[in-house]
């Protein structure tokens, strides 16, 4: 069956440095997005049932600032003022299986405004300390994706992984010189605020520990990321996970042509007692087999 997808987007990203009266330069940034999408019906099962989500219009508005307080202390703050659908069809199939089901028009609702980032950075002689609510991102975003716009990437990122964290950033091999001096070690932990497995505002408690070691240049970026989570959900279910992620990317030097190469490989292991009950799924003539992973 032939089908058509049509997307019309108005997307505006602002990054504007501003110099205050005391010669301290801070940065204002933001994003406004208005997207119309249309897709022809296509069958979801052998009976030919379609989900009916033919068209929708989404709206997003974010604004933030990156502001140094002193030479060694600064903060980043960002709010999401509007996010959601403003027009179009709703999900008819499997809506309760989605993290962001299309069931209401909330794209102009200020009551849905949310704090995305508010964290402080302290620069000490041998390390940097970050504390507060911040985005969680690594590599291409396969394991952790903060929902920011990535230059050159297709599509529109939504939501994003956010956590309350305390991070220690240092260069452990700086005394060795050469490329080893550019290796960066990050360690820390915190509490998950929002991602695809937990929402703190809904009562999910997800504690996390992480460690990463990476090398970063303008045209080359590679490293390893290890993370562990112990989570207790509001429904008294548990999720215990350990993940290992390896990432690498290479881009041509500035003013040179060539392909951009990137790869990411993630290994995830853990256990859970979450079970999806058939009576909780609002599907009409679908069958779903469920099992417990461990």
C-alpha atoms as a PDB file:
ATOM      1  CA  UNK A   1       0.000   0.000   0.000  1.00  0.00           C
ATOM      2  CA  UNK A   2       1.318   3.426  -0.939  1.00  0.00           C
ATOM      3  CA  UNK A   3       1.261   6.080   1.755  1.00  0.00           C
ATOM      4  CA  UNK A   4       2.419   9.654   2.090  1.00  0.00           C
ATOM      5  CA  UNK A   5       3.901  11.643   4.951  1.00  0.00           C
ATOM      6  CA  UNK A   6       4.021  15.431   4.720  1.00  0.00           C
ATOM      7  CA  UNK A   7       5.740  17.655   7.290  1.00  0.00           C
ATOM      8  CA  UNK A   8       5.764  21.457   7.341  1.00  0.00           C
ATOM      9  CA  UNK A   9       7.892  23.035  10.049  1.00  0.00           C
ATOM     10  CA  UNK A  10       8.637  26.515  11.322  1.00  0.00           C
ATOM     11  CA  UNK A  11      11.662  26.124  13.584  1.00  0.00           C
ATOM     12  CA  UNK A  12      13.621  28.993  15.137  1.00  0.00           C
ATOM     13  CA  UNK A  13      16.635  28.551  17.419  1.00  0.00           C
ATOM     14  CA  UNK A  14      18.213  31.580  19.104  1.00  0.00           C
ATOM     15  CA  UNK A  15      21.638  31.825  20.736  1.00  0.00           C
ATOM     16  CA  UNK A  16      22.526  35.418  21.569  1.00  0.00           C
ATOM     17  CA  UNK A  17      25.497  36.541  23.707  1.00  0.00           C
ATOM     18  CA  UNK A  18      24.889  39.692  25.773  1.00  0.00           C
ATOM     19  CA  UNK A  19      27.447  41.823  27.603  1.00  0.00           C
ATOM     20  CA  UNK A  20      26.284  43.272  30.904  1.00  0.00           C
ATOM     21  CA  UNK A  21      27.430  46.561  32.401  1.00  0.00           C
ATOM     22  CA  UNK A  22      30.136  44.857  34.448  1.00  0.00           C
ATOM     23  CA  UNK A  23      31.609  43.311  31.251  1.00  0.00           C
ATOM     24  CA  UNK A  24      30.322  39.849  32.241  1.00  0.00           C
ATOM     25  CA  UNK A  25      29.038  38.179  29.088  1.00  0.00           C
ATOM     26  CA  UNK A  26      25.980  35.952  29.426  1.00  0.00           C
ATOM     27  CA  UNK A  27      24.015  34.057  26.831  1.00  0.00           C
ATOM     28  CA  UNK A  28      20.324  33.962  25.966  1.00  0.00           C
ATOM     29  CA  UNK A  29      19.010  30.964  24.062  1.00  0.00           C
ATOM     30  CA  UNK A  30      15.660  29.608  23.018  1.00  0.00           C
ATOM     31  CA  UNK A  31      13.684  27.552  20.540  1.00  0.00           C
ATOM     32  CA  UNK A  32      10.277  28.017  18.908  1.00  0.00           C
ATOM     33  CA  UNK A  33       8.763  25.265  16.783  1.00  0.00           C
ATOM     34  CA  UNK A  34       5.448  24.980  14.957  1.00  0.00           C
ATOM     35  CA  UNK A  35       5.041  21.739  12.998  1.00  0.00           C
ATOM     36  CA  UNK A  36       2.253  20.448  10.750  1.00  0.00           C
ATOM     37  CA  UNK A  37       2.381  16.727   9.885  1.00  0.00           C
ATOM     38  CA  UNK A  38       0.124  14.672   7.629  1.00  0.00           C
ATOM     39  CA  UNK A  39       0.213  10.941   6.876  1.00  0.00           C
ATOM     40  CA  UNK A  40      -2.143   8.749   4.891  1.00  0.00           C
ATOM     41  CA  UNK A  41      -3.796   5.856   6.702  1.00  0.00           C
ATOM     42  CA  UNK A  42      -1.932   2.559   6.642  1.00  0.00           C
ATOM     43  CA  UNK A  43      -2.914  -0.795   8.207  1.00  0.00           C
ATOM     44  CA  UNK A  44      -1.578  -1.724  11.637  1.00  0.00           C
ATOM     45  CA  UNK A  45      -2.660  -5.372  11.534  1.00  0.00           C
ATOM     46  CA  UNK A  46      -3.952  -8.082   9.209  1.00  0.00           C
ATOM     47  CA  UNK A  47      -7.513  -6.811   9.692  1.00  0.00           C
ATOM     48  CA  UNK A  48      -6.578  -3.488   8.095  1.00  0.00           C
ATOM     49  CA  UNK A  49      -7.281  -1.376  11.177  1.00  0.00           C
ATOM     50  CA  UNK A  50      -5.655   2.085  11.054  1.00  0.00           C
ATOM     51  CA  UNK A  51      -4.859   4.317  13.993  1.00  0.00           C
ATOM     52  CA  UNK A  52      -6.590   7.353  12.437  1.00  0.00           C
ATOM     53  CA  UNK A  53      -3.781   9.786  13.246  1.00  0.00           C
ATOM     54  CA  UNK A  54      -3.825  11.482   9.848  1.00  0.00           C
ATOM     55  CA  UNK A  55      -2.711  14.991  10.741  1.00  0.00           C
ATOM     56  CA  UNK A  56      -1.626  17.053  13.726  1.00  0.00           C
ATOM     57  CA  UNK A  57      -0.045  20.407  14.564  1.00  0.00           C
ATOM     58  CA  UNK A  58       2.544  20.635  17.361  1.00  0.00           C
ATOM     59  CA  UNK A  59       3.814  23.693  19.202  1.00  0.00           C
ATOM     60  CA  UNK A  60       6.946  24.119  21.332  1.00  0.00           C
ATOM     61  CA  UNK A  61       8.536  27.157  22.997  1.00  0.00           C
ATOM     62  CA  UNK A  62      11.640  27.093  25.204  1.00  0.00           C
ATOM     63  CA  UNK A  63      13.753  29.921  26.642  1.00  0.00           C
ATOM     64  CA  UNK A  64      16.858  29.982  28.800  1.00  0.00           C
ATOM     65  CA  UNK A  65      20.040  31.717  29.865  1.00  0.00           C
ATOM     66  CA  UNK A  66      23.645  30.784  30.556  1.00  0.00           C
ATOM     67  CA  UNK A  67      24.970  33.299  33.061  1.00  0.00           C
ATOM     68  CA  UNK A  68      28.322  33.568  34.883  1.00  0.00           C
ATOM     69  CA  UNK A  69      27.991  34.923  38.434  1.00  0.00           C
ATOM     70  CA  UNK A  70      31.723  35.213  39.111  1.00  0.00           C
ATOM     71  CA  UNK A  71      34.850  34.063  37.333  1.00  0.00           C
ATOM     72  CA  UNK A  72      34.500  30.568  38.797  1.00  0.00           C
ATOM     73  CA  UNK A  73      30.743  30.289  39.322  1.00  0.00           C
ATOM     74  CA  UNK A  74      27.871  30.303  36.863  1.00  0.00           C
ATOM     75  CA  UNK A  75      24.463  28.811  36.209  1.00  0.00           C
ATOM     76  CA  UNK A  76      22.216  27.627  33.376  1.00  0.00           C
ATOM     77  CA  UNK A  77      18.430  27.925  33.481  1.00  0.00           C
ATOM     78  CA  UNK A  78      15.828  26.886  30.909  1.00  0.00           C
ATOM     79  CA  UNK A  79      12.031  26.672  30.940  1.00  0.00           C
ATOM     80  CA  UNK A  80       9.653  24.981  28.537  1.00  0.00           C
ATOM     81  CA  UNK A  81       6.680  27.329  28.265  1.00  0.00           C
ATOM     82  CA  UNK A  82       4.596  25.463  25.687  1.00  0.00           C
ATOM     83  CA  UNK A  83       4.753  21.886  24.461  1.00  0.00           C
ATOM     84  CA  UNK A  84       2.080  19.762  22.825  1.00  0.00           C
ATOM     85  CA  UNK A  85      -0.551  19.388  20.143  1.00  0.00           C
ATOM     86  CA  UNK A  86      -2.682  22.393  19.162  1.00  0.00           C
ATOM     87  CA  UNK A  87      -4.787  20.874  16.359  1.00  0.00           C
ATOM     88  CA  UNK A  88      -5.484  17.577  14.614  1.00  0.00           C
ATOM     89  CA  UNK A  89      -6.419  13.948  15.254  1.00  0.00           C
ATOM     90  CA  UNK A  90      -5.967  11.929  18.437  1.00  0.00           C
ATOM     91  CA  UNK A  91      -4.532   8.450  19.040  1.00  0.00           C
ATOM     92  CA  UNK A  92      -7.176   5.733  18.822  1.00  0.00           C
ATOM     93  CA  UNK A  93      -4.901   2.711  19.218  1.00  0.00           C
ATOM     94  CA  UNK A  94      -2.460   2.060  22.050  1.00  0.00           C
ATOM     95  CA  UNK A  95      -2.577   5.584  23.458  1.00  0.00           C
ATOM     96  CA  UNK A  96      -1.893   4.404  27.004  1.00  0.00           C
ATOM     97  CA  UNK A  97       1.318   2.711  25.834  1.00  0.00           C
ATOM     98  CA  UNK A  98       2.815   6.053  24.824  1.00  0.00           C
ATOM     99  CA  UNK A  99       4.683   8.425  27.106  1.00  0.00           C
ATOM    100  CA  UNK A 100       3.054  11.387  25.309  1.00  0.00           C
ATOM    101  CA  UNK A 101      -0.325  10.167  23.998  1.00  0.00           C
ATOM    102  CA  UNK A 102      -2.250  12.475  21.688  1.00  0.00           C
ATOM    103  CA  UNK A 103      -5.492  12.700  23.635  1.00  0.00           C
ATOM    104  CA  UNK A 104      -5.828  16.434  24.416  1.00  0.00           C
ATOM    105  CA  UNK A 105      -4.876  19.783  22.892  1.00  0.00           C
ATOM    106  CA  UNK A 106      -2.338  21.235  25.315  1.00  0.00           C
ATOM    107  CA  UNK A 107       0.081  23.131  23.074  1.00  0.00           C
ATOM    108  CA  UNK A 108      -1.112  26.532  24.361  1.00  0.00           C
ATOM    109  CA  UNK A 109      -1.600  25.497  27.993  1.00  0.00           C
ATOM    110  CA  UNK A 110       0.745  27.441  30.312  1.00  0.00           C
ATOM    111  CA  UNK A 111      -0.234  25.106  33.149  1.00  0.00           C
ATOM    112  CA  UNK A 112       1.931  22.493  31.409  1.00  0.00           C
ATOM    113  CA  UNK A 113       5.036  24.726  31.605  1.00  0.00           C
ATOM    114  CA  UNK A 114       8.021  22.917  33.078  1.00  0.00           C
ATOM    115  CA  UNK A 115      11.528  23.687  34.308  1.00  0.00           C
ATOM    116  CA  UNK A 116      13.999  21.886  32.067  1.00  0.00           C
ATOM    117  CA  UNK A 117      17.299  23.045  33.505  1.00  0.00           C
ATOM    118  CA  UNK A 118      18.595  24.866  36.558  1.00  0.00           C
ATOM    119  CA  UNK A 119      22.122  23.894  37.459  1.00  0.00           C
ATOM    120  CA  UNK A 120      25.247  25.567  38.801  1.00  0.00           C
ATOM    121  CA  UNK A 121      28.853  25.156  37.703  1.00  0.00           C
ATOM    122  CA  UNK A 122      31.816  25.782  39.992  1.00  0.00           C
ATOM    123  CA  UNK A 123      35.274  25.843  38.440  1.00  0.00           C
ATOM    124  CA  UNK A 124      37.946  24.716  40.924  1.00  0.00           C
ATOM    125  CA  UNK A 125      41.659  24.504  40.017  1.00  0.00           C
ATOM    126  CA  UNK A 126      41.633  20.748  39.409  1.00  0.00           C
ATOM    127  CA  UNK A 127      38.009  19.939  38.704  1.00  0.00           C
ATOM    128  CA  UNK A 128      34.566  21.298  37.798  1.00  0.00           C
ATOM    129  CA  UNK A 129      31.482  20.656  39.925  1.00  0.00           C
ATOM    130  CA  UNK A 130      27.965  20.653  38.433  1.00  0.00           C
ATOM    131  CA  UNK A 131      24.851  20.435  40.600  1.00  0.00           C
ATOM    132  CA  UNK A 132      21.146  20.860  39.880  1.00  0.00           C
ATOM    133  CA  UNK A 133      18.567  19.753  37.324  1.00  0.00           C
ATOM    134  CA  UNK A 134      20.188  19.155  33.946  1.00  0.00           C
ATOM    135  CA  UNK A 135      19.789  17.265  30.694  1.00  0.00           C
ATOM    136  CA  UNK A 136      21.176  13.763  30.317  1.00  0.00           C
ATOM    137  CA  UNK A 137      22.859  13.195  26.962  1.00  0.00           C
ATOM    138  CA  UNK A 138      25.531  10.905  25.572  1.00  0.00           C
ATOM    139  CA  UNK A 139      26.778  10.305  22.036  1.00  0.00           C
ATOM    140  CA  UNK A 140      24.041  10.101  19.424  1.00  0.00           C
ATOM    141  CA  UNK A 141      21.372   9.893  22.103  1.00  0.00           C
ATOM    142  CA  UNK A 142      20.757   6.152  21.844  1.00  0.00           C
ATOM    143  CA  UNK A 143      20.877   5.589  25.610  1.00  0.00           C
ATOM    144  CA  UNK A 144      20.499   9.122  26.979  1.00  0.00           C
ATOM    145  CA  UNK A 145      19.005  12.000  24.976  1.00  0.00           C
ATOM    146  CA  UNK A 146      18.217  15.436  26.425  1.00  0.00           C
ATOM    147  CA  UNK A 147      15.923  16.525  23.587  1.00  0.00           C
ATOM    148  CA  UNK A 148      18.120  19.366  22.327  1.00  0.00           C
ATOM    149  CA  UNK A 149      18.367  20.231  18.644  1.00  0.00           C
ATOM    150  CA  UNK A 150      21.425  18.545  17.127  1.00  0.00           C
ATOM    151  CA  UNK A 151      22.890  20.302  14.036  1.00  0.00           C
ATOM    152  CA  UNK A 152      22.645  18.163  10.928  1.00  0.00           C
ATOM    153  CA  UNK A 153      20.247  15.638  12.489  1.00  0.00           C
ATOM    154  CA  UNK A 154      16.949  14.769  10.787  1.00  0.00           C
ATOM    155  CA  UNK A 155      13.668  15.051  12.655  1.00  0.00           C
ATOM    156  CA  UNK A 156      12.452  16.886  15.729  1.00  0.00           C
ATOM    157  CA  UNK A 157      13.618  15.882  19.218  1.00  0.00           C
ATOM    158  CA  UNK A 158      10.929  15.915  21.898  1.00  0.00           C
ATOM    159  CA  UNK A 159      10.827  15.912  25.684  1.00  0.00           C
ATOM    160  CA  UNK A 160      14.323  14.749  26.691  1.00  0.00           C
ATOM    161  CA  UNK A 161      15.950  13.003  29.633  1.00  0.00           C
ATOM    162  CA  UNK A 162      16.328  15.222  32.723  1.00  0.00           C
ATOM    163  CA  UNK A 163      17.886  14.450  36.114  1.00  0.00           C
ATOM    164  CA  UNK A 164      18.785  16.054  39.424  1.00  0.00           C
ATOM    165  CA  UNK A 165      22.528  15.424  39.539  1.00  0.00           C
ATOM    166  CA  UNK A 166      25.819  16.088  41.218  1.00  0.00           C
ATOM    167  CA  UNK A 167      28.712  15.664  38.752  1.00  0.00           C
ATOM    168  CA  UNK A 168      32.474  15.915  39.175  1.00  0.00           C
ATOM    169  CA  UNK A 169      34.413  16.688  35.979  1.00  0.00           C
ATOM    170  CA  UNK A 170      38.210  16.462  35.796  1.00  0.00           C
ATOM    171  CA  UNK A 171      41.186  15.661  33.541  1.00  0.00           C
ATOM    172  CA  UNK A 172      42.918  12.790  35.372  1.00  0.00           C
ATOM    173  CA  UNK A 173      45.861  12.528  32.962  1.00  0.00           C
ATOM    174  CA  UNK A 174      46.589  16.237  32.509  1.00  0.00           C
ATOM    175  CA  UNK A 175      50.144  15.858  33.863  1.00  0.00           C
ATOM    176  CA  UNK A 176      51.010  13.307  31.153  1.00  0.00           C
ATOM    177  CA  UNK A 177      50.640  15.779  28.299  1.00  0.00           C
ATOM    178  CA  UNK A 178      49.836  15.051  24.644  1.00  0.00           C
ATOM    179  CA  UNK A 179      46.385  13.575  23.859  1.00  0.00           C
ATOM    180  CA  UNK A 180      46.075  11.952  27.282  1.00  0.00           C
ATOM    181  CA  UNK A 181      45.889  15.400  28.849  1.00  0.00           C
ATOM    182  CA  UNK A 182      42.639  15.994  26.919  1.00  0.00           C
ATOM    183  CA  UNK A 183      40.861  12.948  28.362  1.00  0.00           C
ATOM    184  CA  UNK A 184      37.902  13.988  30.528  1.00  0.00           C
ATOM    185  CA  UNK A 185      36.515  11.920  33.396  1.00  0.00           C
ATOM    186  CA  UNK A 186      32.973  12.511  34.675  1.00  0.00           C
ATOM    187  CA  UNK A 187      31.490  10.785  37.711  1.00  0.00           C
ATOM    188  CA  UNK A 188      28.406  11.357  39.794  1.00  0.00           C
ATOM    189  CA  UNK A 189      24.853  10.419  40.522  1.00  0.00           C
ATOM    190  CA  UNK A 190      21.407  11.711  41.235  1.00  0.00           C
ATOM    191  CA  UNK A 191      17.677  11.267  40.894  1.00  0.00           C
ATOM    192  CA  UNK A 192      15.877  10.927  37.551  1.00  0.00           C
ATOM    193  CA  UNK A 193      13.395  13.744  36.966  1.00  0.00           C
ATOM    194  CA  UNK A 194      11.993  12.542  33.639  1.00  0.00           C
ATOM    195  CA  UNK A 195      12.772  10.009  30.927  1.00  0.00           C
ATOM    196  CA  UNK A 196      11.065   7.108  29.146  1.00  0.00           C
ATOM    197  CA  UNK A 197      11.147   4.936  32.287  1.00  0.00           C
ATOM    198  CA  UNK A 198      10.508   7.356  35.155  1.00  0.00           C
ATOM    199  CA  UNK A 199       8.688  10.575  36.010  1.00  0.00           C
ATOM    200  CA  UNK A 200       9.459  12.016  39.408  1.00  0.00           C
ATOM    201  CA  UNK A 201       6.295  14.137  39.420  1.00  0.00           C
ATOM    202  CA  UNK A 202       4.228  10.949  39.013  1.00  0.00           C
ATOM    203  CA  UNK A 203       5.876   9.291  42.022  1.00  0.00           C
ATOM    204  CA  UNK A 204       8.612   7.248  40.329  1.00  0.00           C
ATOM    205  CA  UNK A 205      11.927   7.228  42.233  1.00  0.00           C
ATOM    206  CA  UNK A 206      14.927   6.394  40.068  1.00  0.00           C
ATOM    207  CA  UNK A 207      18.381   6.692  41.602  1.00  0.00           C
ATOM    208  CA  UNK A 208      21.320   6.656  39.213  1.00  0.00           C
ATOM    209  CA  UNK A 209      25.114   6.443  39.247  1.00  0.00           C
ATOM    210  CA  UNK A 210      27.251   7.199  36.207  1.00  0.00           C
ATOM    211  CA  UNK A 211      30.855   7.263  35.058  1.00  0.00           C
ATOM    212  CA  UNK A 212      32.227   8.335  31.679  1.00  0.00           C
ATOM    213  CA  UNK A 213      35.646   8.808  30.132  1.00  0.00           C
ATOM    214  CA  UNK A 214      35.932  10.571  26.787  1.00  0.00           C
ATOM    215  CA  UNK A 215      38.185  12.480  24.392  1.00  0.00           C
ATOM    216  CA  UNK A 216      36.750  15.433  22.493  1.00  0.00           C
ATOM    217  CA  UNK A 217      38.041  17.645  19.706  1.00  0.00           C
ATOM    218  CA  UNK A 218      36.205  19.732  17.098  1.00  0.00           C
ATOM    219  CA  UNK A 219      36.406  16.968  14.501  1.00  0.00           C
ATOM    220  CA  UNK A 220      36.740  13.874  16.719  1.00  0.00           C
ATOM    221  CA  UNK A 221      34.773  12.631  19.718  1.00  0.00           C
ATOM    222  CA  UNK A 222      34.910   9.232  21.410  1.00  0.00           C
ATOM    223  CA  UNK A 223      34.371   7.705  24.814  1.00  0.00           C
ATOM    224  CA  UNK A 224      32.730   5.178  27.099  1.00  0.00           C
ATOM    225  CA  UNK A 225      29.722   5.675  29.388  1.00  0.00           C
ATOM    226  CA  UNK A 226      28.615   3.420  32.264  1.00  0.00           C
ATOM    227  CA  UNK A 227      25.358   3.986  34.142  1.00  0.00           C
ATOM    228  CA  UNK A 228      23.353   2.110  36.749  1.00  0.00           C
ATOM    229  CA  UNK A 229      19.808   2.658  38.000  1.00  0.00           C
ATOM    230  CA  UNK A 230      17.722   1.417  40.911  1.00  0.00           C
ATOM    231  CA  UNK A 231      14.105   2.475  40.473  1.00  0.00           C
ATOM    232  CA  UNK A 232      10.886   2.055  42.426  1.00  0.00           C
ATOM    233  CA  UNK A 233       7.702   3.070  40.583  1.00  0.00           C
ATOM    234  CA  UNK A 234       4.543   4.558  42.007  1.00  0.00           C
ATOM    235  CA  UNK A 235       2.791   1.241  41.226  1.00  0.00           C
ATOM    236  CA  UNK A 236       5.236  -0.609  43.550  1.00  0.00           C
ATOM    237  CA  UNK A 237       7.173  -2.147  40.661  1.00  0.00           C
ATOM    238  CA  UNK A 238      10.958  -2.149  40.377  1.00  0.00           C
ATOM    239  CA  UNK A 239      13.513  -1.600  37.643  1.00  0.00           C
ATOM    240  CA  UNK A 240      17.225  -2.355  38.152  1.00  0.00           C
ATOM    241  CA  UNK A 241      19.470  -1.683  35.148  1.00  0.00           C
ATOM    242  CA  UNK A 242      23.154  -1.412  34.267  1.00  0.00           C
ATOM    243  CA  UNK A 243      24.205  -0.011  30.871  1.00  0.00           C
ATOM    244  CA  UNK A 244      27.493   0.287  28.990  1.00  0.00           C
ATOM    245  CA  UNK A 245      27.661   2.614  25.979  1.00  0.00           C
ATOM    246  CA  UNK A 246      30.551   3.216  23.548  1.00  0.00           C
ATOM    247  CA  UNK A 247      30.423   6.152  21.136  1.00  0.00           C
ATOM    248  CA  UNK A 248      32.636   7.656  18.432  1.00  0.00           C
ATOM    249  CA  UNK A 249      32.302  10.330  15.742  1.00  0.00           C
ATOM    250  CA  UNK A 250      34.507  11.963  13.144  1.00  0.00           C
ATOM    251  CA  UNK A 251      33.810  15.031  10.988  1.00  0.00           C
ATOM    252  CA  UNK A 252      35.872  16.798   8.308  1.00  0.00           C
ATOM    253  CA  UNK A 253      37.969  19.724   9.409  1.00  0.00           C
ATOM    254  CA  UNK A 254      36.468  23.182   9.107  1.00  0.00           C
ATOM    255  CA  UNK A 255      36.063  24.429   5.509  1.00  0.00           C
ATOM    256  CA  UNK A 256      36.676  20.918   4.172  1.00  0.00           C
ATOM    257  CA  UNK A 257      34.189  18.608   2.432  1.00  0.00           C
ATOM    258  CA  UNK A 258      33.555  15.032   3.432  1.00  0.00           C
ATOM    259  CA  UNK A 259      31.176  12.695   5.242  1.00  0.00           C
ATOM    260  CA  UNK A 260      30.390  12.790   8.941  1.00  0.00           C
ATOM    261  CA  UNK A 261      30.852   9.358  10.491  1.00  0.00           C
ATOM    262  CA  UNK A 262      29.376   8.365  13.859  1.00  0.00           C
ATOM    263  CA  UNK A 263      28.497   5.146  15.668  1.00  0.00           C
ATOM    264  CA  UNK A 264      27.131   4.174  19.061  1.00  0.00           C
ATOM    265  CA  UNK A 265      26.798   0.756  20.677  1.00  0.00           C
ATOM    266  CA  UNK A 266      24.902   0.159  23.920  1.00  0.00           C
ATOM    267  CA  UNK A 267      24.711  -2.941  26.151  1.00  0.00           C
ATOM    268  CA  UNK A 268      21.879  -3.035  28.692  1.00  0.00           C
ATOM    269  CA  UNK A 269      21.154  -5.676  31.332  1.00  0.00           C
ATOM    270  CA  UNK A 270      18.867  -5.720  34.340  1.00  0.00           C
ATOM    271  CA  UNK A 271      15.652  -6.968  35.857  1.00  0.00           C
ATOM    272  CA  UNK A 272      12.091  -5.771  36.388  1.00  0.00           C
ATOM    273  CA  UNK A 273       8.753  -7.020  37.658  1.00  0.00           C
ATOM    274  CA  UNK A 274       6.703  -4.723  35.455  1.00  0.00           C
ATOM    275  CA  UNK A 275       3.847  -6.509  33.696  1.00  0.00           C
ATOM    276  CA  UNK A 276       1.489  -5.116  31.073  1.00  0.00           C
ATOM    277  CA  UNK A 277      -2.070  -6.367  31.647  1.00  0.00           C
ATOM    278  CA  UNK A 278      -4.250  -6.854  28.607  1.00  0.00           C
ATOM    279  CA  UNK A 279      -7.260  -5.283  30.295  1.00  0.00           C
ATOM    280  CA  UNK A 280      -5.290  -2.037  30.695  1.00  0.00           C
ATOM    281  CA  UNK A 281      -4.663  -1.692  26.959  1.00  0.00           C
ATOM    282  CA  UNK A 282      -7.283   0.173  24.956  1.00  0.00           C
ATOM    283  CA  UNK A 283      -6.825  -1.757  21.711  1.00  0.00           C
ATOM    284  CA  UNK A 284      -9.824  -3.058  19.804  1.00  0.00           C
ATOM    285  CA  UNK A 285      -9.013  -6.244  17.866  1.00  0.00           C
ATOM    286  CA  UNK A 286      -5.331  -6.523  18.748  1.00  0.00           C
ATOM    287  CA  UNK A 287      -3.621  -9.331  20.602  1.00  0.00           C
ATOM    288  CA  UNK A 288      -0.538  -8.657  22.699  1.00  0.00           C
ATOM    289  CA  UNK A 289       1.648 -11.286  24.330  1.00  0.00           C
ATOM    290  CA  UNK A 290       3.353 -10.112  27.499  1.00  0.00           C
ATOM    291  CA  UNK A 291       6.054 -11.622  29.607  1.00  0.00           C
ATOM    292  CA  UNK A 292       8.332 -10.681  32.447  1.00  0.00           C
ATOM    293  CA  UNK A 293      11.895  -9.748  31.531  1.00  0.00           C
ATOM    294  CA  UNK A 294      14.724 -10.514  33.835  1.00  0.00           C
END
